[in-house]
Every structure is written in C-alpha cells, then in structure tokens.
Amino acid sequence: MTTMGKLSGRVAIVTGAGGGLGAECARVLASHGATVALVDINGEAAVEVAASLRSSGHEALGIRTDVSSEEDVHAMVGQVKDHFGRIDVLHNNAAVLSAEQRQRDCDLANLDMGAFDRAIAVNLRGAVLCTKHVVPVMLEQAGGSIIFATSGLGVQGDMSLTGYATSKAALLMLPKLVAAQYGKQGIRGNAVQIGLAPQHPLPEALLEIMRDNHCTPELGTPRQIADVVAFLASDESSFITGSTLVADGGFSSHTPSLVAMRKLFAQMGRNSM
C-alpha cells in the first residue's frame, strides 16, 4: 500500500532530474508531498519537468547545474535554501551515460581517458560536491536523508563502461561515510544499487538475455526504482543508514551459472539436482 503524504513538508533535491529516472524520482517524491528542486546540466529540461509538476499542484523549481563544478553546486544549494528555506533530502542521481560517452568509455585497453575523467567528474565528484554543500544545511536542521544512485556495474565486472563502473563502485562508500560522520547529528546516508529499468526501447534479444538473469518475471520499471528512493527519503527508513539497498530483481543475487543450470534442469525434467 502506498503511503501518500509521507514527505509532506520536506524539500528534496534530485540531480539529473531533467529526464529519465531522475525525472521519475522527482515526480514520485512530489506525489508523496515533497517540494522538489530539479537539478540538471540541461537547464531547459529541468525547468520543463518542474513546470509539469507545478501544473499538477506540486511545488517545484528547475535549476541548471553542472554537478562537477563546485561553483555551480554551491550556487544551486544556496538557491534551494533561499527559495524553500530548508533541504531535507538529496538524491545524487546525476550520471553521464550518453551514447557518445558509452562509445568512449570502453574496456581498459581501449579506454578514452577523457571519457573516464568525465565519468568520475559527474558521477562521483558530483555526488561528493552536492553532499559537501548540502550537509551544512542539514546540520542546521539536525536531520536529513542523502541517497546515492549506484549500479550493479559497480560490483560486477563487465565488458566496457570502465569509468562508469569505477565511479559507481566508489559511490558504495559514500553512504557509509555520511552515516559514520554525521549520523549522530541526524543525517542518514544510503545508496540504491539500481538494476535494469528500461526507460527507452532496447533490442528484444538483449532484453531477453537480461530477463533470463532476473529472479523476477519481468524487468524493472523507473517507478519501482523511484519508490525505493522515496522510501529511503522518508521516515519509514529512519533506522536504515550506511547501507546499499539492492533494487535489481535479483540480478546480482545468484551465481553466473544459474541460467544455464535452469535450462539443464528443464532438459532433465527436474527442478533440482
């Protein structure tokens, strides 16, 4: 059962909120009563999503910010504080994963170091900067929830996306640092290890491979990920900090041989050895 209003009176910042998963997270936080600052390097997109939220009766503000720039982040946090008076939730969702970035963020031997540096600058440095500048505001209020968006690529080796994977692995440490350093002052830090929740059409052959490796009947949806973010933002998760909540349909929970073994057992006409 969805608990409406559990974020009433809270002010949330969502980075990378100009589209995709970030925009969905902003919409869901707003649906639970939060006032939302939508931050994106594409300022027009952030403003557009914020306008759509306001047209639905929510309080929202779109702000253009390059999260890899400390000057930009400092100004953004100040603007949110001045406009809304407080900051209760920070969702560090921003990441660079464009088609051009994917082509350059290759395997180690073919890695474009410019793409690697950009992945670290946006995905990791951006989360550090936003956290650095939001924490003092949360300390004034004696509380807050900081959420980091990480990925299965941060814990499992793959064929490419070396910079992306490295940045996401580092993000697993940040909630532990937030919890250890500021937990006694009421600030919680957690991460969401996000599985495949397609936001755009993908080749069916690829989807079938991924679906076979999930322990759920279907792949995830952006809404399912956003619901986890809303949970971590709310008091429902008040005793959870320094943790990573895995939301991937069981993709990372099993041995690499599971799919092949399942097919073998099916051929043998049995469910187990």
C-alpha atoms as a PDB file:
ATOM      1  CA  MET A   1       0.000   0.000   0.000  1.00  0.00           C
ATOM      2  CA  THR A   2       1.386   3.419  -0.941  1.00  0.00           C
ATOM      3  CA  THR A   3       1.534   5.911   1.908  1.00  0.00           C
ATOM      4  CA  MET A   4       0.695   9.314   0.482  1.00  0.00           C
ATOM      5  CA  GLY A   5       1.971  12.433   2.195  1.00  0.00           C
ATOM      6  CA  LYS A   6       4.942  10.774   3.914  1.00  0.00           C
ATOM      7  CA  LEU A   7       7.211  13.529   2.571  1.00  0.00           C
ATOM      8  CA  SER A   8       4.917  16.460   3.291  1.00  0.00           C
ATOM      9  CA  GLY A   9       6.882  19.491   4.401  1.00  0.00           C
ATOM     10  CA  ARG A  10      10.165  18.074   3.098  1.00  0.00           C
ATOM     11  CA  VAL A  11      12.341  19.734   0.482  1.00  0.00           C
ATOM     12  CA  ALA A  12      14.213  17.397  -1.859  1.00  0.00           C
ATOM     13  CA  ILE A  13      16.974  17.983  -4.390  1.00  0.00           C
ATOM     14  CA  VAL A  14      17.160  15.482  -7.255  1.00  0.00           C
ATOM     15  CA  THR A  15      20.159  15.764  -9.568  1.00  0.00           C
ATOM     16  CA  GLY A  16      19.958  14.582 -13.157  1.00  0.00           C
ATOM     17  CA  ALA A  17      16.232  15.306 -12.963  1.00  0.00           C
ATOM     18  CA  GLY A  18      15.747  16.704 -16.449  1.00  0.00           C
ATOM     19  CA  GLY A  19      14.548  13.362 -17.778  1.00  0.00           C
ATOM     20  CA  GLY A  20      14.599   9.598 -17.398  1.00  0.00           C
ATOM     21  CA  LEU A  21      14.942   8.062 -13.964  1.00  0.00           C
ATOM     22  CA  GLY A  22      15.734  11.365 -12.267  1.00  0.00           C
ATOM     23  CA  ALA A  23      12.525  12.953 -13.503  1.00  0.00           C
ATOM     24  CA  GLU A  24      10.547   9.909 -12.380  1.00  0.00           C
ATOM     25  CA  CYS A  25      12.130  10.101  -8.924  1.00  0.00           C
ATOM     26  CA  ALA A  26      11.215  13.786  -8.716  1.00  0.00           C
ATOM     27  CA  ARG A  27       7.621  13.014  -9.704  1.00  0.00           C
ATOM     28  CA  VAL A  28       7.280  10.267  -7.110  1.00  0.00           C
ATOM     29  CA  LEU A  29       8.834  12.352  -4.321  1.00  0.00           C
ATOM     30  CA  ALA A  30       6.414  15.144  -5.220  1.00  0.00           C
ATOM     31  CA  SER A  31       3.489  12.696  -5.178  1.00  0.00           C
ATOM     32  CA  HIS A  32       4.348  11.962  -1.549  1.00  0.00           C
ATOM     33  CA  GLY A  33       4.186  15.650  -0.692  1.00  0.00           C
ATOM     34  CA  ALA A  34       7.782  16.782  -1.144  1.00  0.00           C
ATOM     35  CA  THR A  35       8.768  20.121  -2.586  1.00  0.00           C
ATOM     36  CA  VAL A  36      11.342  19.291  -5.251  1.00  0.00           C
ATOM     37  CA  ALA A  37      14.320  21.124  -6.725  1.00  0.00           C
ATOM     38  CA  LEU A  38      15.090  19.504 -10.072  1.00  0.00           C
ATOM     39  CA  VAL A  39      18.746  19.901 -10.999  1.00  0.00           C
ATOM     40  CA  ASP A  40      20.242  19.097 -14.391  1.00  0.00           C
ATOM     41  CA  ILE A  41      23.028  20.282 -16.675  1.00  0.00           C
ATOM     42  CA  ASN A  42      20.235  20.679 -19.234  1.00  0.00           C
ATOM     43  CA  GLY A  43      18.553  23.603 -17.555  1.00  0.00           C
ATOM     44  CA  GLU A  44      15.673  23.787 -20.025  1.00  0.00           C
ATOM     45  CA  ALA A  45      14.775  20.148 -19.347  1.00  0.00           C
ATOM     46  CA  ALA A  46      14.879  20.691 -15.575  1.00  0.00           C
ATOM     47  CA  VAL A  47      12.665  23.765 -15.851  1.00  0.00           C
ATOM     48  CA  GLU A  48      10.220  21.898 -18.096  1.00  0.00           C
ATOM     49  CA  VAL A  49       9.830  18.955 -15.696  1.00  0.00           C
ATOM     50  CA  ALA A  50       9.453  21.378 -12.786  1.00  0.00           C
ATOM     51  CA  ALA A  51       6.727  23.236 -14.685  1.00  0.00           C
ATOM     52  CA  SER A  52       4.858  19.985 -15.300  1.00  0.00           C
ATOM     53  CA  LEU A  53       4.982  19.237 -11.565  1.00  0.00           C
ATOM     54  CA  ARG A  54       3.670  22.696 -10.701  1.00  0.00           C
ATOM     55  CA  SER A  55       0.848  22.248 -13.205  1.00  0.00           C
ATOM     56  CA  SER A  56      -0.120  19.145 -11.223  1.00  0.00           C
ATOM     57  CA  GLY A  57      -0.274  21.127  -7.991  1.00  0.00           C
ATOM     58  CA  HIS A  58       3.209  20.424  -6.617  1.00  0.00           C
ATOM     59  CA  GLU A  59       5.907  22.865  -5.559  1.00  0.00           C
ATOM     60  CA  ALA A  60       8.959  22.530  -7.798  1.00  0.00           C
ATOM     61  CA  LEU A  61      11.916  24.508  -9.077  1.00  0.00           C
ATOM     62  CA  GLY A  62      14.192  23.700 -12.023  1.00  0.00           C
ATOM     63  CA  ILE A  63      17.856  24.729 -11.792  1.00  0.00           C
ATOM     64  CA  ARG A  64      20.622  24.366 -14.359  1.00  0.00           C
ATOM     65  CA  THR A  65      23.700  22.939 -12.637  1.00  0.00           C
ATOM     66  CA  ASP A  66      26.858  21.171 -13.714  1.00  0.00           C
ATOM     67  CA  VAL A  67      27.341  18.967 -10.656  1.00  0.00           C
ATOM     68  CA  SER A  68      31.032  18.528 -11.457  1.00  0.00           C
ATOM     69  CA  SER A  69      31.548  22.269 -10.831  1.00  0.00           C
ATOM     70  CA  GLU A  70      31.848  23.285  -7.186  1.00  0.00           C
ATOM     71  CA  GLU A  71      30.874  26.852  -8.073  1.00  0.00           C
ATOM     72  CA  ASP A  72      27.675  25.608  -9.727  1.00  0.00           C
ATOM     73  CA  VAL A  73      26.823  23.273  -6.865  1.00  0.00           C
ATOM     74  CA  HIS A  74      27.457  25.898  -4.196  1.00  0.00           C
ATOM     75  CA  ALA A  75      25.171  28.325  -6.027  1.00  0.00           C
ATOM     76  CA  MET A  76      22.477  25.674  -6.559  1.00  0.00           C
ATOM     77  CA  VAL A  77      22.346  24.665  -2.895  1.00  0.00           C
ATOM     78  CA  GLY A  78      22.192  28.307  -1.875  1.00  0.00           C
ATOM     79  CA  GLN A  79      19.349  28.929  -4.298  1.00  0.00           C
ATOM     80  CA  VAL A  80      17.337  25.990  -2.977  1.00  0.00           C
ATOM     81  CA  LYS A  81      17.915  27.051   0.633  1.00  0.00           C
ATOM     82  CA  ASP A  82      16.960  30.666  -0.113  1.00  0.00           C
ATOM     83  CA  HIS A  83      13.882  29.669  -2.128  1.00  0.00           C
ATOM     84  CA  PHE A  84      12.454  26.934   0.107  1.00  0.00           C
ATOM     85  CA  GLY A  85      14.119  27.577   3.476  1.00  0.00           C
ATOM     86  CA  ARG A  86      15.463  24.077   4.060  1.00  0.00           C
ATOM     87  CA  ILE A  87      16.811  20.914   2.424  1.00  0.00           C
ATOM     88  CA  ASP A  88      15.692  17.550   3.790  1.00  0.00           C
ATOM     89  CA  VAL A  89      16.569  15.120   1.003  1.00  0.00           C
ATOM     90  CA  LEU A  90      19.391  14.934  -1.521  1.00  0.00           C
ATOM     91  CA  HIS A  91      19.166  12.288  -4.221  1.00  0.00           C
ATOM     92  CA  ASN A  92      22.501  12.087  -6.044  1.00  0.00           C
ATOM     93  CA  ASN A  93      21.159  10.661  -9.281  1.00  0.00           C
ATOM     94  CA  ALA A  94      23.154  12.567 -11.927  1.00  0.00           C
ATOM     95  CA  ALA A  95      25.384  10.438 -14.167  1.00  0.00           C
ATOM     96  CA  VAL A  96      26.867  10.787 -17.629  1.00  0.00           C
ATOM     97  CA  LEU A  97      25.870   7.889 -19.878  1.00  0.00           C
ATOM     98  CA  SER A  98      25.172   9.362 -23.301  1.00  0.00           C
ATOM     99  CA  ALA A  99      25.694   7.352 -26.484  1.00  0.00           C
ATOM    100  CA  GLU A 100      28.910   9.249 -27.173  1.00  0.00           C
ATOM    101  CA  GLN A 101      30.161   8.612 -23.628  1.00  0.00           C
ATOM    102  CA  ARG A 102      29.360   4.899 -23.924  1.00  0.00           C
ATOM    103  CA  GLN A 103      31.378   4.625 -27.130  1.00  0.00           C
ATOM    104  CA  ARG A 104      34.444   6.168 -25.474  1.00  0.00           C
ATOM    105  CA  ASP A 105      34.137   4.575 -22.010  1.00  0.00           C
ATOM    106  CA  CYS A 106      35.463   1.228 -23.253  1.00  0.00           C
ATOM    107  CA  ASP A 107      37.421  -1.708 -21.887  1.00  0.00           C
ATOM    108  CA  LEU A 108      40.673  -0.805 -20.114  1.00  0.00           C
ATOM    109  CA  ALA A 109      42.974  -1.279 -23.114  1.00  0.00           C
ATOM    110  CA  ASN A 110      40.817   0.932 -25.348  1.00  0.00           C
ATOM    111  CA  LEU A 111      39.625   3.418 -22.739  1.00  0.00           C
ATOM    112  CA  ASP A 112      39.439   7.082 -23.706  1.00  0.00           C
ATOM    113  CA  MET A 113      40.792   8.797 -20.586  1.00  0.00           C
ATOM    114  CA  GLY A 114      38.721  11.873 -21.324  1.00  0.00           C
ATOM    115  CA  ALA A 115      35.595   9.719 -21.002  1.00  0.00           C
ATOM    116  CA  PHE A 116      36.966   8.138 -17.827  1.00  0.00           C
ATOM    117  CA  ASP A 117      37.657  11.548 -16.289  1.00  0.00           C
ATOM    118  CA  ARG A 118      34.185  12.772 -17.257  1.00  0.00           C
ATOM    119  CA  ALA A 119      32.541   9.736 -15.630  1.00  0.00           C
ATOM    120  CA  ILE A 120      34.449  10.343 -12.404  1.00  0.00           C
ATOM    121  CA  ALA A 121      33.770  14.104 -12.532  1.00  0.00           C
ATOM    122  CA  VAL A 122      29.995  13.803 -12.936  1.00  0.00           C
ATOM    123  CA  ASN A 123      29.099  10.518 -11.264  1.00  0.00           C
ATOM    124  CA  LEU A 124      31.472  10.623  -8.294  1.00  0.00           C
ATOM    125  CA  ARG A 125      32.761  14.160  -7.853  1.00  0.00           C
ATOM    126  CA  GLY A 126      29.258  15.483  -8.490  1.00  0.00           C
ATOM    127  CA  ALA A 127      27.806  13.362  -5.690  1.00  0.00           C
ATOM    128  CA  VAL A 128      30.627  14.387  -3.347  1.00  0.00           C
ATOM    129  CA  LEU A 129      30.161  18.085  -4.127  1.00  0.00           C
ATOM    130  CA  CYS A 130      26.396  18.023  -3.687  1.00  0.00           C
ATOM    131  CA  THR A 131      26.771  16.161  -0.402  1.00  0.00           C
ATOM    132  CA  LYS A 132      29.517  18.515   0.801  1.00  0.00           C
ATOM    133  CA  HIS A 133      27.346  21.587   0.303  1.00  0.00           C
ATOM    134  CA  VAL A 134      24.036  20.084   1.478  1.00  0.00           C
ATOM    135  CA  VAL A 135      25.369  18.617   4.734  1.00  0.00           C
ATOM    136  CA  PRO A 136      25.823  22.018   6.450  1.00  0.00           C
ATOM    137  CA  VAL A 137      22.186  22.874   5.720  1.00  0.00           C
ATOM    138  CA  MET A 138      21.059  19.515   7.122  1.00  0.00           C
ATOM    139  CA  LEU A 139      23.236  20.019  10.207  1.00  0.00           C
ATOM    140  CA  GLU A 140      21.384  23.278  10.904  1.00  0.00           C
ATOM    141  CA  GLN A 141      18.126  21.282  10.842  1.00  0.00           C
ATOM    142  CA  ALA A 142      19.604  18.323  12.772  1.00  0.00           C
ATOM    143  CA  GLY A 143      18.474  15.874  10.107  1.00  0.00           C
ATOM    144  CA  GLY A 144      18.248  14.790   6.511  1.00  0.00           C
ATOM    145  CA  SER A 145      18.478  11.867   4.109  1.00  0.00           C
ATOM    146  CA  ILE A 146      21.171  11.619   1.429  1.00  0.00           C
ATOM    147  CA  ILE A 147      20.730   8.989  -1.263  1.00  0.00           C
ATOM    148  CA  PHE A 148      23.274   7.821  -3.824  1.00  0.00           C
ATOM    149  CA  ALA A 149      22.379   6.094  -7.088  1.00  0.00           C
ATOM    150  CA  THR A 150      24.803   3.265  -7.726  1.00  0.00           C
ATOM    151  CA  SER A 151      24.665   0.286 -10.064  1.00  0.00           C
ATOM    152  CA  GLY A 152      25.309  -3.402 -10.427  1.00  0.00           C
ATOM    153  CA  LEU A 153      28.179  -2.340 -12.694  1.00  0.00           C
ATOM    154  CA  GLY A 154      29.848  -1.039  -9.532  1.00  0.00           C
ATOM    155  CA  VAL A 155      30.053  -4.537  -8.056  1.00  0.00           C
ATOM    156  CA  GLN A 156      30.256  -6.835 -11.104  1.00  0.00           C
ATOM    157  CA  GLY A 157      32.798  -6.804 -13.919  1.00  0.00           C
ATOM    158  CA  ASP A 158      31.560  -6.236 -17.466  1.00  0.00           C
ATOM    159  CA  MET A 159      32.911  -5.790 -20.992  1.00  0.00           C
ATOM    160  CA  SER A 160      33.061  -1.984 -21.067  1.00  0.00           C
ATOM    161  CA  LEU A 161      31.986   1.211 -19.235  1.00  0.00           C
ATOM    162  CA  THR A 162      35.166   1.156 -17.173  1.00  0.00           C
ATOM    163  CA  GLY A 163      34.843   4.741 -15.928  1.00  0.00           C
ATOM    164  CA  TYR A 164      31.143   4.379 -15.161  1.00  0.00           C
ATOM    165  CA  ALA A 165      31.748   1.160 -13.214  1.00  0.00           C
ATOM    166  CA  THR A 166      34.641   2.653 -11.258  1.00  0.00           C
ATOM    167  CA  SER A 167      32.595   5.700 -10.278  1.00  0.00           C
ATOM    168  CA  LYS A 168      29.633   3.587  -9.210  1.00  0.00           C
ATOM    169  CA  ALA A 169      31.869   1.349  -7.085  1.00  0.00           C
ATOM    170  CA  ALA A 170      33.178   4.412  -5.251  1.00  0.00           C
ATOM    171  CA  LEU A 171      29.627   5.581  -4.601  1.00  0.00           C
ATOM    172  CA  LEU A 172      29.093   2.492  -2.436  1.00  0.00           C
ATOM    173  CA  MET A 173      31.434   4.000   0.155  1.00  0.00           C
ATOM    174  CA  LEU A 174      29.836   7.437   0.362  1.00  0.00           C
ATOM    175  CA  PRO A 175      26.702   6.420   2.330  1.00  0.00           C
ATOM    176  CA  LYS A 176      28.940   4.715   4.878  1.00  0.00           C
ATOM    177  CA  LEU A 177      30.945   7.920   5.263  1.00  0.00           C
ATOM    178  CA  VAL A 178      27.795  10.018   5.646  1.00  0.00           C
ATOM    179  CA  ALA A 179      26.454   7.636   8.280  1.00  0.00           C
ATOM    180  CA  ALA A 180      29.726   7.495  10.221  1.00  0.00           C
ATOM    181  CA  GLN A 181      30.468  11.204  10.077  1.00  0.00           C
ATOM    182  CA  TYR A 182      27.012  12.724  10.550  1.00  0.00           C
ATOM    183  CA  GLY A 183      24.701  10.011  11.859  1.00  0.00           C
ATOM    184  CA  LYS A 184      24.710  11.340  15.410  1.00  0.00           C
ATOM    185  CA  GLN A 185      23.569  14.691  14.021  1.00  0.00           C
ATOM    186  CA  GLY A 186      20.528  13.064  12.417  1.00  0.00           C
ATOM    187  CA  ILE A 187      21.757  12.736   8.825  1.00  0.00           C
ATOM    188  CA  ARG A 188      21.328   9.383   7.110  1.00  0.00           C
ATOM    189  CA  GLY A 189      23.164   8.149   4.030  1.00  0.00           C
ATOM    190  CA  ASN A 190      22.126   5.237   1.835  1.00  0.00           C
ATOM    191  CA  ALA A 191      22.590   4.029  -1.717  1.00  0.00           C
ATOM    192  CA  VAL A 192      20.304   2.322  -4.198  1.00  0.00           C
ATOM    193  CA  GLN A 193      22.007  -0.291  -6.365  1.00  0.00           C
ATOM    194  CA  ILE A 194      19.866   0.071  -9.443  1.00  0.00           C
ATOM    195  CA  GLY A 195      19.175  -2.775 -11.837  1.00  0.00           C
ATOM    196  CA  LEU A 196      17.866  -2.601 -15.386  1.00  0.00           C
ATOM    197  CA  ALA A 197      14.745  -0.456 -15.514  1.00  0.00           C
ATOM    198  CA  PRO A 198      14.429   0.379 -19.232  1.00  0.00           C
ATOM    199  CA  GLN A 199      13.447   3.957 -19.978  1.00  0.00           C
ATOM    200  CA  HIS A 200      13.852   3.657 -23.771  1.00  0.00           C
ATOM    201  CA  PRO A 201      13.233   0.838 -26.277  1.00  0.00           C
ATOM    202  CA  LEU A 202      16.011  -1.762 -26.325  1.00  0.00           C
ATOM    203  CA  PRO A 203      16.585  -4.724 -28.694  1.00  0.00           C
ATOM    204  CA  GLU A 204      14.335  -7.610 -27.695  1.00  0.00           C
ATOM    205  CA  ALA A 205      17.253 -10.068 -27.870  1.00  0.00           C
ATOM    206  CA  LEU A 206      19.104  -8.015 -25.259  1.00  0.00           C
ATOM    207  CA  LEU A 207      16.027  -7.718 -23.071  1.00  0.00           C
ATOM    208  CA  GLU A 208      15.520 -11.488 -23.208  1.00  0.00           C
ATOM    209  CA  ILE A 209      19.078 -12.131 -22.030  1.00  0.00           C
ATOM    210  CA  MET A 210      18.608  -9.707 -19.153  1.00  0.00           C
ATOM    211  CA  ARG A 211      15.167 -11.091 -18.292  1.00  0.00           C
ATOM    212  CA  ASP A 212      16.556 -14.628 -18.088  1.00  0.00           C
ATOM    213  CA  ASN A 213      19.063 -13.448 -15.495  1.00  0.00           C
ATOM    214  CA  HIS A 214      16.475 -11.799 -13.268  1.00  0.00           C
ATOM    215  CA  CYS A 215      14.751 -13.613 -10.401  1.00  0.00           C
ATOM    216  CA  THR A 216      11.507 -11.783 -11.120  1.00  0.00           C
ATOM    217  CA  PRO A 217       9.134 -12.481 -14.001  1.00  0.00           C
ATOM    218  CA  GLU A 218       9.883  -9.122 -15.648  1.00  0.00           C
ATOM    219  CA  LEU A 219      12.480  -6.371 -15.738  1.00  0.00           C
ATOM    220  CA  GLY A 220      12.134  -3.332 -13.531  1.00  0.00           C
ATOM    221  CA  THR A 221      10.462  -0.012 -14.232  1.00  0.00           C
ATOM    222  CA  PRO A 222      11.600   3.528 -13.360  1.00  0.00           C
ATOM    223  CA  ARG A 223       8.649   3.774 -10.962  1.00  0.00           C
ATOM    224  CA  GLN A 224       9.879   0.763  -8.993  1.00  0.00           C
ATOM    225  CA  ILE A 225      13.269   2.416  -8.527  1.00  0.00           C
ATOM    226  CA  ALA A 226      11.682   5.749  -7.626  1.00  0.00           C
ATOM    227  CA  ASP A 227       9.561   4.027  -4.970  1.00  0.00           C
ATOM    228  CA  VAL A 228      12.761   2.794  -3.295  1.00  0.00           C
ATOM    229  CA  VAL A 229      14.201   6.318  -3.375  1.00  0.00           C
ATOM    230  CA  ALA A 230      11.011   7.669  -1.767  1.00  0.00           C
ATOM    231  CA  PHE A 231      11.278   5.005   0.941  1.00  0.00           C
ATOM    232  CA  LEU A 232      14.870   5.993   1.746  1.00  0.00           C
ATOM    233  CA  ALA A 233      13.886   9.670   1.735  1.00  0.00           C
ATOM    234  CA  SER A 234      11.104   9.125   4.263  1.00  0.00           C
ATOM    235  CA  ASP A 235      10.900   8.306   7.965  1.00  0.00           C
ATOM    236  CA  GLU A 236       9.827   4.785   7.018  1.00  0.00           C
ATOM    237  CA  SER A 237      13.560   4.081   6.644  1.00  0.00           C
ATOM    238  CA  SER A 238      14.635   6.040   9.734  1.00  0.00           C
ATOM    239  CA  PHE A 239      16.656   3.096  11.140  1.00  0.00           C
ATOM    240  CA  ILE A 240      18.479   2.455   7.855  1.00  0.00           C
ATOM    241  CA  THR A 241      21.775   4.234   7.244  1.00  0.00           C
ATOM    242  CA  GLY A 242      25.184   3.426   5.800  1.00  0.00           C
ATOM    243  CA  SER A 243      23.568   0.786   3.629  1.00  0.00           C
ATOM    244  CA  THR A 244      23.060  -0.105  -0.006  1.00  0.00           C
ATOM    245  CA  LEU A 245      19.580  -1.287  -0.921  1.00  0.00           C
ATOM    246  CA  VAL A 246      19.690  -3.516  -3.993  1.00  0.00           C
ATOM    247  CA  ALA A 247      16.766  -2.967  -6.360  1.00  0.00           C
ATOM    248  CA  ASP A 248      17.571  -5.177  -9.335  1.00  0.00           C
ATOM    249  CA  GLY A 249      15.045  -8.002  -9.405  1.00  0.00           C
ATOM    250  CA  GLY A 250      17.620 -10.415  -8.028  1.00  0.00           C
ATOM    251  CA  PHE A 251      20.000  -9.937 -10.963  1.00  0.00           C
ATOM    252  CA  SER A 252      23.063  -9.751  -8.709  1.00  0.00           C
ATOM    253  CA  SER A 253      21.862 -12.321  -6.167  1.00  0.00           C
ATOM    254  CA  HIS A 254      22.742 -15.544  -7.965  1.00  0.00           C
ATOM    255  CA  THR A 255      25.652 -17.441  -9.450  1.00  0.00           C
ATOM    256  CA  PRO A 256      26.645 -16.731 -13.074  1.00  0.00           C
ATOM    257  CA  SER A 257      25.690 -20.323 -13.943  1.00  0.00           C
ATOM    258  CA  LEU A 258      22.058 -20.029 -12.840  1.00  0.00           C
ATOM    259  CA  VAL A 259      20.511 -19.558 -16.295  1.00  0.00           C
ATOM    260  CA  ALA A 260      22.453 -22.429 -17.852  1.00  0.00           C
ATOM    261  CA  MET A 261      21.665 -24.680 -14.882  1.00  0.00           C
ATOM    262  CA  ARG A 262      17.982 -23.817 -15.100  1.00  0.00           C
ATOM    263  CA  LYS A 263      17.959 -24.871 -18.748  1.00  0.00           C
ATOM    264  CA  LEU A 264      19.853 -28.069 -17.923  1.00  0.00           C
ATOM    265  CA  PHE A 265      17.379 -28.992 -15.187  1.00  0.00           C
ATOM    266  CA  ALA A 266      14.495 -28.310 -17.566  1.00  0.00           C
ATOM    267  CA  GLN A 267      16.038 -30.697 -20.103  1.00  0.00           C
ATOM    268  CA  MET A 268      16.418 -33.297 -17.339  1.00  0.00           C
ATOM    269  CA  GLY A 269      12.812 -32.843 -16.280  1.00  0.00           C
ATOM    270  CA  ARG A 270      13.611 -31.818 -12.742  1.00  0.00           C
ATOM    271  CA  ASN A 271      13.842 -28.653 -10.638  1.00  0.00           C
ATOM    272  CA  SER A 272      16.980 -29.507  -8.692  1.00  0.00           C
ATOM    273  CA  MET A 273      19.955 -31.844  -8.597  1.00  0.00           C
END
